[in-house]
PDB file of all heavy atoms in Angstrom:
ATOM      1  N   TYR A   1       7.517   7.432   7.381  1.00  0.00           N
ATOM      2  CA  TYR A   1       8.937   7.750   7.438  1.00  0.00           C
ATOM      3  C   TYR A   1       9.146   9.255   7.493  1.00  0.00           C
ATOM      4  O   TYR A   1       8.283  10.043   7.078  1.00  0.00           O
ATOM      5  CB  TYR A   1       9.684   7.148   6.243  1.00  0.00           C
ATOM      6  CG  TYR A   1       9.290   7.687   4.884  1.00  0.00           C
ATOM      7  CD1 TYR A   1       9.973   8.754   4.288  1.00  0.00           C
ATOM      8  CD2 TYR A   1       8.241   7.106   4.159  1.00  0.00           C
ATOM      9  CE1 TYR A   1       9.624   9.233   3.034  1.00  0.00           C
ATOM     10  CE2 TYR A   1       7.884   7.571   2.909  1.00  0.00           C
ATOM     11  CZ  TYR A   1       8.578   8.641   2.352  1.00  0.00           C
ATOM     12  OH  TYR A   1       8.222   9.113   1.103  1.00  0.00           O
ATOM     13  N   LEU A   2      10.292   9.633   8.032  1.00  0.00           N
ATOM     14  CA  LEU A   2      10.709  11.030   8.041  1.00  0.00           C
ATOM     15  C   LEU A   2      11.465  11.334   6.762  1.00  0.00           C
ATOM     16  O   LEU A   2      12.259  10.520   6.278  1.00  0.00           O
ATOM     17  CB  LEU A   2      11.610  11.321   9.244  1.00  0.00           C
ATOM     18  CG  LEU A   2      10.951  11.305  10.625  1.00  0.00           C
ATOM     19  CD1 LEU A   2      12.014  11.468  11.708  1.00  0.00           C
ATOM     20  CD2 LEU A   2       9.908  12.409  10.747  1.00  0.00           C
ATOM     21  N   ALA A   3      11.229  12.527   6.218  1.00  0.00           N
ATOM     22  CA  ALA A   3      11.927  12.967   5.009  1.00  0.00           C
ATOM     23  C   ALA A   3      12.310  14.427   5.172  1.00  0.00           C
ATOM     24  O   ALA A   3      11.667  15.174   5.922  1.00  0.00           O
ATOM     25  CB  ALA A   3      11.038  12.786   3.776  1.00  0.00           C
ATOM     26  N   ASP A   4      13.338  14.828   4.469  1.00  0.00           N
ATOM     27  CA  ASP A   4      13.711  16.245   4.499  1.00  0.00           C
ATOM     28  C   ASP A   4      12.842  17.028   3.527  1.00  0.00           C
ATOM     29  O   ASP A   4      11.948  16.460   2.875  1.00  0.00           O
ATOM     30  CB  ASP A   4      15.205  16.428   4.230  1.00  0.00           C
ATOM     31  CG  ASP A   4      15.633  15.948   2.836  1.00  0.00           C
ATOM     32  OD1 ASP A   4      14.765  15.833   1.934  1.00  0.00           O
ATOM     33  OD2 ASP A   4      16.839  15.707   2.644  1.00  0.00           O
ATOM     34  N   ALA A   5      13.108  18.312   3.411  1.00  0.00           N
ATOM     35  CA  ALA A   5      12.261  19.183   2.587  1.00  0.00           C
ATOM     36  C   ALA A   5      12.405  18.907   1.096  1.00  0.00           C
ATOM     37  O   ALA A   5      11.637  19.434   0.293  1.00  0.00           O
ATOM     38  CB  ALA A   5      12.575  20.649   2.881  1.00  0.00           C
ATOM     39  N   GLN A   6      13.384  18.082   0.724  1.00  0.00           N
ATOM     40  CA  GLN A   6      13.527  17.670  -0.676  1.00  0.00           C
ATOM     41  C   GLN A   6      12.865  16.317  -0.934  1.00  0.00           C
ATOM     42  O   GLN A   6      12.919  15.800  -2.047  1.00  0.00           O
ATOM     43  CB  GLN A   6      15.018  17.583  -1.059  1.00  0.00           C
ATOM     44  CG  GLN A   6      15.711  18.933  -1.196  1.00  0.00           C
ATOM     45  CD  GLN A   6      15.921  19.607   0.148  1.00  0.00           C
ATOM     46  OE1 GLN A   6      16.398  18.990   1.102  1.00  0.00           O
ATOM     47  NE2 GLN A   6      15.559  20.881   0.233  1.00  0.00           N
ATOM     48  N   GLY A   7      12.290  15.750   0.106  1.00  0.00           N
ATOM     49  CA  GLY A   7      11.616  14.466  -0.027  1.00  0.00           C
ATOM     50  C   GLY A   7      12.519  13.279   0.221  1.00  0.00           C
ATOM     51  O   GLY A   7      12.081  12.126   0.107  1.00  0.00           O
ATOM     52  N   ASN A   8      13.790  13.506   0.579  1.00  0.00           N
ATOM     53  CA  ASN A   8      14.734  12.418   0.798  1.00  0.00           C
ATOM     54  C   ASN A   8      14.414  11.673   2.100  1.00  0.00           C
ATOM     55  O   ASN A   8      14.186  12.295   3.144  1.00  0.00           O
ATOM     56  CB  ASN A   8      16.165  12.956   0.866  1.00  0.00           C
ATOM     57  CG  ASN A   8      16.574  13.637  -0.426  1.00  0.00           C
ATOM     58  OD1 ASN A   8      16.352  13.099  -1.509  1.00  0.00           O
ATOM     59  ND2 ASN A   8      17.152  14.822  -0.316  1.00  0.00           N
ATOM     60  N   HIS A   9      14.430  10.370   2.014  1.00  0.00           N
ATOM     61  CA  HIS A   9      14.127   9.525   3.164  1.00  0.00           C
ATOM     62  C   HIS A   9      15.199   9.699   4.239  1.00  0.00           C
ATOM     63  O   HIS A   9      16.398   9.575   3.969  1.00  0.00           O
ATOM     64  CB  HIS A   9      14.064   8.066   2.698  1.00  0.00           C
ATOM     65  CG  HIS A   9      13.644   7.080   3.743  1.00  0.00           C
ATOM     66  ND1 HIS A   9      14.466   6.668   4.765  1.00  0.00           N
ATOM     67  CD2 HIS A   9      12.475   6.407   3.921  1.00  0.00           C
ATOM     68  CE1 HIS A   9      13.836   5.791   5.519  1.00  0.00           C
ATOM     69  NE2 HIS A   9      12.620   5.617   5.023  1.00  0.00           N
ATOM     70  N   LEU A  10      14.774   9.972   5.480  1.00  0.00           N
ATOM     71  CA  LEU A  10      15.714  10.127   6.586  1.00  0.00           C
ATOM     72  C   LEU A  10      15.696   8.918   7.515  1.00  0.00           C
ATOM     73  O   LEU A  10      16.747   8.422   7.909  1.00  0.00           O
ATOM     74  CB  LEU A  10      15.378  11.393   7.388  1.00  0.00           C
ATOM     75  CG  LEU A  10      15.481  12.726   6.662  1.00  0.00           C
ATOM     76  CD1 LEU A  10      15.024  13.864   7.565  1.00  0.00           C
ATOM     77  CD2 LEU A  10      16.907  12.976   6.165  1.00  0.00           C
ATOM     78  N   ALA A  11      14.505   8.474   7.902  1.00  0.00           N
ATOM     79  CA  ALA A  11      14.406   7.345   8.825  1.00  0.00           C
ATOM     80  C   ALA A  11      12.988   6.801   8.812  1.00  0.00           C
ATOM     81  O   ALA A  11      12.021   7.552   8.639  1.00  0.00           O
ATOM     82  CB  ALA A  11      14.782   7.784  10.246  1.00  0.00           C
ATOM     83  N   TRP A  12      12.876   5.498   8.984  1.00  0.00           N
ATOM     84  CA  TRP A  12      11.551   4.895   9.127  1.00  0.00           C
ATOM     85  C   TRP A  12      10.981   5.222  10.500  1.00  0.00           C
ATOM     86  O   TRP A  12      11.686   5.160  11.507  1.00  0.00           O
ATOM     87  CB  TRP A  12      11.622   3.372   8.977  1.00  0.00           C
ATOM     88  CG  TRP A  12      11.792   2.879   7.585  1.00  0.00           C
ATOM     89  CD1 TRP A  12      12.900   2.285   7.049  1.00  0.00           C
ATOM     90  CD2 TRP A  12      10.813   2.911   6.543  1.00  0.00           C
ATOM     91  NE1 TRP A  12      12.683   1.953   5.737  1.00  0.00           N
ATOM     92  CE2 TRP A  12      11.403   2.324   5.396  1.00  0.00           C
ATOM     93  CE3 TRP A  12       9.509   3.391   6.463  1.00  0.00           C
ATOM     94  CZ2 TRP A  12      10.725   2.197   4.189  1.00  0.00           C
ATOM     95  CZ3 TRP A  12       8.828   3.267   5.259  1.00  0.00           C
ATOM     96  CH2 TRP A  12       9.429   2.681   4.142  1.00  0.00           C
ATOM     97  N   VAL A  13       9.717   5.561  10.526  1.00  0.00           N
ATOM     98  CA  VAL A  13       8.979   5.659  11.775  1.00  0.00           C
ATOM     99  C   VAL A  13       8.260   4.333  12.030  1.00  0.00           C
ATOM    100  O   VAL A  13       8.334   3.762  13.113  1.00  0.00           O
ATOM    101  CB  VAL A  13       7.979   6.832  11.734  1.00  0.00           C
ATOM    102  CG1 VAL A  13       7.120   6.855  12.992  1.00  0.00           C
ATOM    103  CG2 VAL A  13       8.719   8.149  11.565  1.00  0.00           C
ATOM    104  N   GLU A  14       7.550   3.841  11.025  1.00  0.00           N
ATOM    105  CA  GLU A  14       6.960   2.502  11.044  1.00  0.00           C
ATOM    106  C   GLU A  14       7.145   1.908   9.659  1.00  0.00           C
ATOM    107  O   GLU A  14       6.440   2.266   8.720  1.00  0.00           O
ATOM    108  CB  GLU A  14       5.461   2.545  11.396  1.00  0.00           C
ATOM    109  CG  GLU A  14       5.136   2.900  12.830  1.00  0.00           C
ATOM    110  CD  GLU A  14       5.455   1.792  13.816  1.00  0.00           C
ATOM    111  OE1 GLU A  14       5.930   0.714  13.379  1.00  0.00           O
ATOM    112  OE2 GLU A  14       5.237   2.010  15.015  1.00  0.00           O
ATOM    113  N   GLN A  15       8.106   1.002   9.499  1.00  0.00           N
ATOM    114  CA  GLN A  15       8.303   0.382   8.187  1.00  0.00           C
ATOM    115  C   GLN A  15       7.180  -0.588   7.874  1.00  0.00           C
ATOM    116  O   GLN A  15       6.776  -0.739   6.728  1.00  0.00           O
ATOM    117  CB  GLN A  15       9.653  -0.321   8.119  1.00  0.00           C
ATOM    118  CG  GLN A  15      10.005  -0.795   6.710  1.00  0.00           C
ATOM    119  CD  GLN A  15      11.429  -1.276   6.600  1.00  0.00           C
ATOM    120  OE1 GLN A  15      12.155  -1.355   7.588  1.00  0.00           O
ATOM    121  NE2 GLN A  15      11.860  -1.593   5.392  1.00  0.00           N
ATOM    122  N   ASN A  16       6.694  -1.270   8.909  1.00  0.00           N
ATOM    123  CA  ASN A  16       5.513  -2.122   8.767  1.00  0.00           C
ATOM    124  C   ASN A  16       5.642  -3.103   7.611  1.00  0.00           C
ATOM    125  O   ASN A  16       4.691  -3.332   6.853  1.00  0.00           O
ATOM    126  CB  ASN A  16       4.261  -1.253   8.587  1.00  0.00           C
ATOM    127  CG  ASN A  16       2.993  -1.953   9.031  1.00  0.00           C
ATOM    128  OD1 ASN A  16       3.032  -2.928   9.772  1.00  0.00           O
ATOM    129  ND2 ASN A  16       1.860  -1.464   8.570  1.00  0.00           N
ATOM    130  N   ALA A  17       6.833  -3.675   7.444  1.00  0.00           N
ATOM    131  CA  ALA A  17       7.095  -4.587   6.328  1.00  0.00           C
ATOM    132  C   ALA A  17       6.322  -5.886   6.525  1.00  0.00           C
ATOM    133  O   ALA A  17       6.236  -6.425   7.639  1.00  0.00           O
ATOM    134  CB  ALA A  17       8.588  -4.863   6.230  1.00  0.00           C
ATOM    135  N   LEU A  18       5.787  -6.402   5.447  1.00  0.00           N
ATOM    136  CA  LEU A  18       5.039  -7.657   5.491  1.00  0.00           C
ATOM    137  C   LEU A  18       6.014  -8.829   5.431  1.00  0.00           C
ATOM    138  O   LEU A  18       6.169  -9.493   4.406  1.00  0.00           O
ATOM    139  CB  LEU A  18       4.038  -7.712   4.336  1.00  0.00           C
ATOM    140  CG  LEU A  18       2.843  -6.766   4.453  1.00  0.00           C
ATOM    141  CD1 LEU A  18       1.985  -6.828   3.197  1.00  0.00           C
ATOM    142  CD2 LEU A  18       2.014  -7.090   5.680  1.00  0.00           C
ATOM    143  N   GLU A  19       6.670  -9.063   6.534  1.00  0.00           N
ATOM    144  CA  GLU A  19       7.649 -10.139   6.635  1.00  0.00           C
ATOM    145  C   GLU A  19       7.285 -11.011   7.823  1.00  0.00           C
ATOM    146  O   GLU A  19       6.308 -10.753   8.532  1.00  0.00           O
ATOM    147  CB  GLU A  19       9.055  -9.552   6.794  1.00  0.00           C
ATOM    148  CG  GLU A  19       9.176  -8.583   7.951  1.00  0.00           C
ATOM    149  CD  GLU A  19      10.468  -7.792   7.940  1.00  0.00           C
ATOM    150  OE1 GLU A  19      11.119  -7.703   6.874  1.00  0.00           O
ATOM    151  OE2 GLU A  19      10.833  -7.265   8.999  1.00  0.00           O
ATOM    152  N   ASP A  20       8.085 -12.062   8.050  1.00  0.00           N
ATOM    153  CA  ASP A  20       7.808 -12.958   9.171  1.00  0.00           C
ATOM    154  C   ASP A  20       7.654 -12.158  10.461  1.00  0.00           C
ATOM    155  O   ASP A  20       8.464 -11.282  10.763  1.00  0.00           O
ATOM    156  CB  ASP A  20       8.942 -13.971   9.327  1.00  0.00           C
ATOM    157  CG  ASP A  20       8.942 -15.000   8.204  1.00  0.00           C
ATOM    158  OD1 ASP A  20       7.924 -15.076   7.493  1.00  0.00           O
ATOM    159  OD2 ASP A  20       9.949 -15.708   8.036  1.00  0.00           O
ATOM    160  N   GLY A  21       6.633 -12.463  11.222  1.00  0.00           N
ATOM    161  CA  GLY A  21       6.377 -11.749  12.459  1.00  0.00           C
ATOM    162  C   GLY A  21       5.300 -10.693  12.336  1.00  0.00           C
ATOM    163  O   GLY A  21       4.727 -10.279  13.350  1.00  0.00           O
ATOM    164  N   HIS A  22       5.026 -10.231  11.112  1.00  0.00           N
ATOM    165  CA  HIS A  22       3.934  -9.275  10.931  1.00  0.00           C
ATOM    166  C   HIS A  22       2.608 -10.004  11.111  1.00  0.00           C
ATOM    167  O   HIS A  22       2.441 -11.138  10.647  1.00  0.00           O
ATOM    168  CB  HIS A  22       4.002  -8.637   9.539  1.00  0.00           C
ATOM    169  CG  HIS A  22       3.090  -7.462   9.375  1.00  0.00           C
ATOM    170  ND1 HIS A  22       1.730  -7.594   9.198  1.00  0.00           N
ATOM    171  CD2 HIS A  22       3.345  -6.116   9.364  1.00  0.00           C
ATOM    172  CE1 HIS A  22       1.190  -6.388   9.080  1.00  0.00           C
ATOM    173  NE2 HIS A  22       2.142  -5.479   9.177  1.00  0.00           N
ATOM    174  N   PRO A  23       1.624  -9.382  11.783  1.00  0.00           N
ATOM    175  CA  PRO A  23       0.355 -10.076  12.018  1.00  0.00           C
ATOM    176  C   PRO A  23      -0.341 -10.562  10.749  1.00  0.00           C
ATOM    177  O   PRO A  23      -1.080 -11.556  10.784  1.00  0.00           O
ATOM    178  CB  PRO A  23      -0.492  -9.017  12.741  1.00  0.00           C
ATOM    179  CG  PRO A  23       0.497  -8.089  13.366  1.00  0.00           C
ATOM    180  CD  PRO A  23       1.670  -8.055  12.437  1.00  0.00           C
ATOM    181  N   TYR A  24      -0.087  -9.871   9.625  1.00  0.00           N
ATOM    182  CA  TYR A  24      -0.760 -10.262   8.382  1.00  0.00           C
ATOM    183  C   TYR A  24       0.035 -11.304   7.600  1.00  0.00           C
ATOM    184  O   TYR A  24      -0.486 -11.888   6.651  1.00  0.00           O
ATOM    185  CB  TYR A  24      -0.996  -9.028   7.522  1.00  0.00           C
ATOM    186  CG  TYR A  24      -1.948  -9.239   6.361  1.00  0.00           C
ATOM    187  CD1 TYR A  24      -3.289  -9.556   6.590  1.00  0.00           C
ATOM    188  CD2 TYR A  24      -1.521  -9.131   5.041  1.00  0.00           C
ATOM    189  CE1 TYR A  24      -4.171  -9.753   5.533  1.00  0.00           C
ATOM    190  CE2 TYR A  24      -2.396  -9.323   3.976  1.00  0.00           C
ATOM    191  CZ  TYR A  24      -3.721  -9.637   4.229  1.00  0.00           C
ATOM    192  OH  TYR A  24      -4.594  -9.830   3.190  1.00  0.00           O
ATOM    193  N   ALA A  25       1.270 -11.560   7.996  1.00  0.00           N
ATOM    194  CA  ALA A  25       2.138 -12.461   7.234  1.00  0.00           C
ATOM    195  C   ALA A  25       1.515 -13.841   7.006  1.00  0.00           C
ATOM    196  O   ALA A  25       1.628 -14.386   5.895  1.00  0.00           O
ATOM    197  CB  ALA A  25       3.495 -12.582   7.928  1.00  0.00           C
ATOM    198  N   PRO A  26       0.856 -14.437   8.000  1.00  0.00           N
ATOM    199  CA  PRO A  26       0.274 -15.760   7.744  1.00  0.00           C
ATOM    200  C   PRO A  26      -0.807 -15.776   6.669  1.00  0.00           C
ATOM    201  O   PRO A  26      -1.171 -16.854   6.187  1.00  0.00           O
ATOM    202  CB  PRO A  26      -0.325 -16.143   9.119  1.00  0.00           C
ATOM    203  CG  PRO A  26       0.426 -15.324  10.115  1.00  0.00           C
ATOM    204  CD  PRO A  26       0.701 -14.033   9.410  1.00  0.00           C
ATOM    205  N   HIS A  27      -1.306 -14.607   6.296  1.00  0.00           N
ATOM    206  CA  HIS A  27      -2.405 -14.545   5.334  1.00  0.00           C
ATOM    207  C   HIS A  27      -1.955 -14.040   3.958  1.00  0.00           C
ATOM    208  O   HIS A  27      -2.783 -13.865   3.066  1.00  0.00           O
ATOM    209  CB  HIS A  27      -3.513 -13.650   5.885  1.00  0.00           C
ATOM    210  CG  HIS A  27      -3.944 -14.022   7.263  1.00  0.00           C
ATOM    211  ND1 HIS A  27      -4.729 -15.122   7.537  1.00  0.00           N
ATOM    212  CD2 HIS A  27      -3.662 -13.458   8.474  1.00  0.00           C
ATOM    213  CE1 HIS A  27      -4.925 -15.209   8.845  1.00  0.00           C
ATOM    214  NE2 HIS A  27      -4.297 -14.220   9.430  1.00  0.00           N
ATOM    215  N   LEU A  28      -0.652 -13.807   3.813  1.00  0.00           N
ATOM    216  CA  LEU A  28      -0.163 -13.252   2.549  1.00  0.00           C
ATOM    217  C   LEU A  28      -0.403 -14.186   1.372  1.00  0.00           C
ATOM    218  O   LEU A  28      -0.678 -13.732   0.259  1.00  0.00           O
ATOM    219  CB  LEU A  28       1.331 -12.936   2.657  1.00  0.00           C
ATOM    220  CG  LEU A  28       1.697 -11.602   3.297  1.00  0.00           C
ATOM    221  CD1 LEU A  28       3.211 -11.487   3.446  1.00  0.00           C
ATOM    222  CD2 LEU A  28       1.163 -10.443   2.466  1.00  0.00           C
ATOM    223  N   ALA A  29      -0.288 -15.475   1.606  1.00  0.00           N
ATOM    224  CA  ALA A  29      -0.429 -16.421   0.501  1.00  0.00           C
ATOM    225  C   ALA A  29      -1.803 -16.349  -0.148  1.00  0.00           C
ATOM    226  O   ALA A  29      -1.950 -16.637  -1.343  1.00  0.00           O
ATOM    227  CB  ALA A  29      -0.148 -17.837   0.990  1.00  0.00           C
ATOM    228  N   SER A  30      -2.810 -15.964   0.631  1.00  0.00           N
ATOM    229  CA  SER A  30      -4.162 -15.883   0.068  1.00  0.00           C
ATOM    230  C   SER A  30      -4.586 -14.448  -0.234  1.00  0.00           C
ATOM    231  O   SER A  30      -5.737 -14.217  -0.610  1.00  0.00           O
ATOM    232  CB  SER A  30      -5.169 -16.521   1.033  1.00  0.00           C
ATOM    233  OG  SER A  30      -5.230 -15.788   2.243  1.00  0.00           O
ATOM    234  N   HIS A  31      -3.662 -13.492  -0.043  1.00  0.00           N
ATOM    235  CA  HIS A  31      -4.011 -12.084  -0.313  1.00  0.00           C
ATOM    236  C   HIS A  31      -4.316 -11.906  -1.791  1.00  0.00           C
ATOM    237  O   HIS A  31      -3.545 -12.321  -2.664  1.00  0.00           O
ATOM    238  CB  HIS A  31      -2.852 -11.172   0.087  1.00  0.00           C
ATOM    239  CG  HIS A  31      -3.128  -9.720  -0.154  1.00  0.00           C
ATOM    240  ND1 HIS A  31      -3.804  -8.932   0.739  1.00  0.00           N
ATOM    241  CD2 HIS A  31      -2.832  -8.908  -1.214  1.00  0.00           C
ATOM    242  CE1 HIS A  31      -3.900  -7.709   0.274  1.00  0.00           C
ATOM    243  NE2 HIS A  31      -3.324  -7.666  -0.917  1.00  0.00           N
ATOM    244  N   ARG A  32      -5.418 -11.264  -2.084  1.00  0.00           N
ATOM    245  CA  ARG A  32      -5.841 -11.068  -3.471  1.00  0.00           C
ATOM    246  C   ARG A  32      -5.631  -9.613  -3.877  1.00  0.00           C
ATOM    247  O   ARG A  32      -5.995  -8.688  -3.136  1.00  0.00           O
ATOM    248  CB  ARG A  32      -7.315 -11.443  -3.624  1.00  0.00           C
ATOM    249  CG  ARG A  32      -7.609 -12.889  -3.268  1.00  0.00           C
ATOM    250  CD  ARG A  32      -6.965 -13.830  -4.255  1.00  0.00           C
ATOM    251  NE  ARG A  32      -7.521 -13.647  -5.578  1.00  0.00           N
ATOM    252  CZ  ARG A  32      -6.911 -13.982  -6.720  1.00  0.00           C
ATOM    253  NH1 ARG A  32      -5.687 -14.475  -6.695  1.00  0.00           N
ATOM    254  NH2 ARG A  32      -7.505 -13.797  -7.866  1.00  0.00           N
ATOM    255  N   PRO A  33      -5.046  -9.365  -5.036  1.00  0.00           N
ATOM    256  CA  PRO A  33      -4.785  -7.993  -5.480  1.00  0.00           C
ATOM    257  C   PRO A  33      -6.057  -7.290  -5.926  1.00  0.00           C
ATOM    258  O   PRO A  33      -7.040  -7.929  -6.315  1.00  0.00           O
ATOM    259  CB  PRO A  33      -3.830  -8.186  -6.665  1.00  0.00           C
ATOM    260  CG  PRO A  33      -4.205  -9.528  -7.216  1.00  0.00           C
ATOM    261  CD  PRO A  33      -4.581 -10.373  -6.022  1.00  0.00           C
ATOM    262  N   ALA A  34      -6.034  -5.978  -5.864  1.00  0.00           N
ATOM    263  CA  ALA A  34      -7.150  -5.172  -6.368  1.00  0.00           C
ATOM    264  C   ALA A  34      -6.918  -4.850  -7.829  1.00  0.00           C
ATOM    265  O   ALA A  34      -5.783  -4.769  -8.302  1.00  0.00           O
ATOM    266  CB  ALA A  34      -7.273  -3.881  -5.567  1.00  0.00           C
ATOM    267  N   ARG A  35      -7.984  -4.686  -8.531  1.00  0.00           N
ATOM    268  CA  ARG A  35      -7.911  -4.193  -9.912  1.00  0.00           C
ATOM    269  C   ARG A  35      -8.840  -2.992 -10.015  1.00  0.00           C
ATOM    270  O   ARG A  35      -9.881  -2.930  -9.359  1.00  0.00           O
ATOM    271  CB  ARG A  35      -8.282  -5.281 -10.921  1.00  0.00           C
ATOM    272  CG  ARG A  35      -9.647  -5.897 -10.681  1.00  0.00           C
ATOM    273  CD  ARG A  35      -9.728  -7.311 -11.219  1.00  0.00           C
ATOM    274  NE  ARG A  35      -8.910  -8.210 -10.432  1.00  0.00           N
ATOM    275  CZ  ARG A  35      -7.901  -8.910 -10.959  1.00  0.00           C
ATOM    276  NH1 ARG A  35      -7.606  -8.818 -12.239  1.00  0.00           N
ATOM    277  NH2 ARG A  35      -7.206  -9.715 -10.194  1.00  0.00           N
ATOM    278  N   TYR A  36      -8.436  -2.028 -10.799  1.00  0.00           N
ATOM    279  CA  TYR A  36      -9.149  -0.759 -10.917  1.00  0.00           C
ATOM    280  C   TYR A  36      -9.565  -0.547 -12.363  1.00  0.00           C
ATOM    281  O   TYR A  36      -8.903  -0.985 -13.297  1.00  0.00           O
ATOM    282  CB  TYR A  36      -8.254   0.397 -10.465  1.00  0.00           C
ATOM    283  CG  TYR A  36      -7.748   0.267  -9.053  1.00  0.00           C
ATOM    284  CD1 TYR A  36      -6.564  -0.430  -8.791  1.00  0.00           C
ATOM    285  CD2 TYR A  36      -8.445   0.802  -7.983  1.00  0.00           C
ATOM    286  CE1 TYR A  36      -6.090  -0.573  -7.493  1.00  0.00           C
ATOM    287  CE2 TYR A  36      -7.983   0.665  -6.685  1.00  0.00           C
ATOM    288  CZ  TYR A  36      -6.809  -0.026  -6.441  1.00  0.00           C
ATOM    289  OH  TYR A  36      -6.351  -0.167  -5.160  1.00  0.00           O
ATOM    290  N   GLY A  37     -10.670   0.157 -12.531  1.00  0.00           N
ATOM    291  CA  GLY A  37     -11.131   0.455 -13.876  1.00  0.00           C
ATOM    292  C   GLY A  37     -12.153   1.567 -13.856  1.00  0.00           C
ATOM    293  O   GLY A  37     -12.425   2.167 -12.807  1.00  0.00           O
ATOM    294  N   THR A  38     -12.721   1.849 -15.019  1.00  0.00           N
ATOM    295  CA  THR A  38     -13.746   2.883 -15.115  1.00  0.00           C
ATOM    296  C   THR A  38     -14.941   2.368 -15.896  1.00  0.00           C
ATOM    297  O   THR A  38     -14.816   1.489 -16.755  1.00  0.00           O
ATOM    298  CB  THR A  38     -13.219   4.156 -15.813  1.00  0.00           C
ATOM    299  OG1 THR A  38     -12.818   3.834 -17.163  1.00  0.00           O
ATOM    300  CG2 THR A  38     -12.046   4.751 -15.061  1.00  0.00           C
ATOM    301  N   ILE A  39     -16.091   2.911 -15.565  1.00  0.00           N
ATOM    302  CA  ILE A  39     -17.282   2.766 -16.386  1.00  0.00           C
ATOM    303  C   ILE A  39     -17.833   4.171 -16.607  1.00  0.00           C
ATOM    304  O   ILE A  39     -17.411   5.121 -15.944  1.00  0.00           O
ATOM    305  CB  ILE A  39     -18.350   1.870 -15.730  1.00  0.00           C
ATOM    306  CG1 ILE A  39     -18.856   2.522 -14.438  1.00  0.00           C
ATOM    307  CG2 ILE A  39     -17.804   0.471 -15.477  1.00  0.00           C
ATOM    308  CD1 ILE A  39     -20.047   1.823 -13.826  1.00  0.00           C
ATOM    309  N   LYS A  40     -18.761   4.303 -17.512  1.00  0.00           N
ATOM    310  CA  LYS A  40     -19.418   5.588 -17.720  1.00  0.00           C
ATOM    311  C   LYS A  40     -20.577   5.752 -16.736  1.00  0.00           C
ATOM    312  O   LYS A  40     -21.285   4.802 -16.429  1.00  0.00           O
ATOM    313  CB  LYS A  40     -19.948   5.710 -19.154  1.00  0.00           C
ATOM    314  CG  LYS A  40     -18.850   5.802 -20.209  1.00  0.00           C
ATOM    315  CD  LYS A  40     -17.968   7.035 -20.006  1.00  0.00           C
ATOM    316  CE  LYS A  40     -16.887   7.125 -21.067  1.00  0.00           C
ATOM    317  NZ  LYS A  40     -15.946   8.255 -20.808  1.00  0.00           N
ATOM    318  N   ALA A  41     -20.720   6.959 -16.246  1.00  0.00           N
ATOM    319  CA  ALA A  41     -21.839   7.270 -15.366  1.00  0.00           C
ATOM    320  C   ALA A  41     -23.144   7.199 -16.141  1.00  0.00           C
ATOM    321  O   ALA A  41     -23.162   7.019 -17.369  1.00  0.00           O
ATOM    322  CB  ALA A  41     -21.651   8.667 -14.766  1.00  0.00           C
ATOM    323  N   ALA A  42     -24.235   7.364 -15.432  1.00  0.00           N
ATOM    324  CA  ALA A  42     -25.543   7.320 -16.076  1.00  0.00           C
ATOM    325  C   ALA A  42     -25.711   8.416 -17.120  1.00  0.00           C
ATOM    326  O   ALA A  42     -26.574   8.317 -17.993  1.00  0.00           O
ATOM    327  CB  ALA A  42     -26.646   7.420 -15.030  1.00  0.00           C
ATOM    328  N   ASP A  43     -24.863   9.481 -17.040  1.00  0.00           N
ATOM    329  CA  ASP A  43     -24.959  10.527 -18.058  1.00  0.00           C
ATOM    330  C   ASP A  43     -24.269  10.141 -19.353  1.00  0.00           C
ATOM    331  O   ASP A  43     -24.318  10.880 -20.343  1.00  0.00           O
ATOM    332  CB  ASP A  43     -24.383  11.848 -17.530  1.00  0.00           C
ATOM    333  CG  ASP A  43     -22.891  11.775 -17.203  1.00  0.00           C
ATOM    334  OD1 ASP A  43     -22.255  10.727 -17.455  1.00  0.00           O
ATOM    335  OD2 ASP A  43     -22.354  12.774 -16.683  1.00  0.00           O
ATOM    336  N   GLY A  44     -23.594   8.972 -19.385  1.00  0.00           N
ATOM    337  CA  GLY A  44     -22.930   8.498 -20.585  1.00  0.00           C
ATOM    338  C   GLY A  44     -21.629   9.195 -20.902  1.00  0.00           C
ATOM    339  O   GLY A  44     -20.986   8.883 -21.905  1.00  0.00           O
ATOM    340  N   VAL A  45     -21.220  10.130 -20.061  1.00  0.00           N
ATOM    341  CA  VAL A  45     -20.029  10.946 -20.344  1.00  0.00           C
ATOM    342  C   VAL A  45     -18.973  10.810 -19.256  1.00  0.00           C
ATOM    343  O   VAL A  45     -17.791  10.601 -19.533  1.00  0.00           O
ATOM    344  CB  VAL A  45     -20.421  12.437 -20.500  1.00  0.00           C
ATOM    345  CG1 VAL A  45     -19.186  13.301 -20.704  1.00  0.00           C
ATOM    346  CG2 VAL A  45     -21.404  12.608 -21.650  1.00  0.00           C
TER     347      VAL A  45
END
């Protein structure tokens, strides 16, 4: 999207909304979310 110098939204360039007609829409029902986390590196820190 286009925004002004204050970050205000001016216009969509590609909204790419996941709605009917989007190529990925038929697969949304099986879309699996990501989960994020941390472990300690081999240095233990």
